[in-house]
Protein backbone atom coordinates (compact mmCIF):
# COMPACT_ATOMS: atom_id res chain seq x y z
CA UNK A 1 59.84 -6.35 21.35
CA UNK A 2 57.84 -8.74 19.62
CA UNK A 3 55.58 -6.79 17.72
CA UNK A 4 54.59 -7.92 14.58
CA UNK A 5 52.20 -5.33 13.38
CA UNK A 6 53.97 -6.07 9.68
CA UNK A 7 54.57 -8.38 6.99
CA UNK A 8 58.11 -7.84 7.44
CA UNK A 9 58.16 -8.61 11.49
CA UNK A 10 55.95 -10.95 11.26
CA UNK A 11 57.94 -13.18 9.14
CA UNK A 12 61.39 -12.56 11.31
CA UNK A 13 59.56 -13.60 14.09
CA UNK A 14 58.47 -17.17 12.76
CA UNK A 15 61.92 -17.37 10.55
CA UNK A 16 64.18 -20.44 11.97
CA UNK A 17 66.75 -19.78 10.38
CA UNK A 18 69.97 -17.29 10.23
CA UNK A 19 68.52 -13.25 9.90
CA UNK A 20 71.11 -10.90 8.95
CA UNK A 21 70.45 -7.27 9.75
CA UNK A 22 72.19 -4.55 7.95
CA UNK A 23 71.81 -0.96 9.94
CA UNK A 24 72.06 2.04 7.94
CA UNK A 25 71.87 5.21 9.83
CA UNK A 26 74.32 7.97 10.66
CA UNK A 27 77.59 7.46 12.92
CA UNK A 28 76.04 9.51 15.31
CA UNK A 29 73.14 6.86 15.51
CA UNK A 30 75.27 4.19 15.55
CA UNK A 31 77.14 5.73 17.89
CA UNK A 32 73.33 6.47 20.27
CA UNK A 33 73.20 4.10 23.36
CA UNK A 34 70.14 3.58 22.85
CA UNK A 35 71.24 1.84 19.29
CA UNK A 36 74.04 0.17 20.47
CA UNK A 37 71.83 -1.26 23.36
CA UNK A 38 69.07 -2.37 20.45
CA UNK A 39 71.69 -4.20 18.60
CA UNK A 40 73.34 -6.03 21.41
CA UNK A 41 69.49 -7.47 21.99
CA UNK A 42 69.20 -8.39 18.36
CA UNK A 43 72.82 -10.49 18.43
CA UNK A 44 71.59 -11.84 22.02
CA UNK A 45 68.79 -13.27 20.17
CA UNK A 46 70.87 -14.63 17.15
CA UNK A 47 70.51 -12.20 14.69
CA UNK A 48 73.50 -11.85 12.39
CA UNK A 49 74.45 -8.01 12.56
CA UNK A 50 76.43 -6.91 9.39
CA UNK A 51 78.89 -4.09 9.95
CA UNK A 52 78.23 -0.98 8.53
CA UNK A 53 80.32 0.97 6.37
CA UNK A 54 82.85 3.73 7.38
CA UNK A 55 82.21 7.19 5.21
CA UNK A 56 82.58 10.81 5.37
CA UNK A 57 79.20 12.11 6.53
CA UNK A 58 78.28 15.76 5.45
CA UNK A 59 77.64 16.16 8.96
CA UNK A 60 81.50 15.77 9.29
């Protein structure tokens, strides 16, 4: 979204090389359309997305 209201986002927006993103969330969160859309948008901007690991979760 281009919001740079903290040092991490300011650095990410100014950085000119590859940025790796490693999402960490509950499986259902990662499958939600909003999350999928956001990750796709980051890919479109040139970010590299590291796939999440799959583990057995407490929620099943």
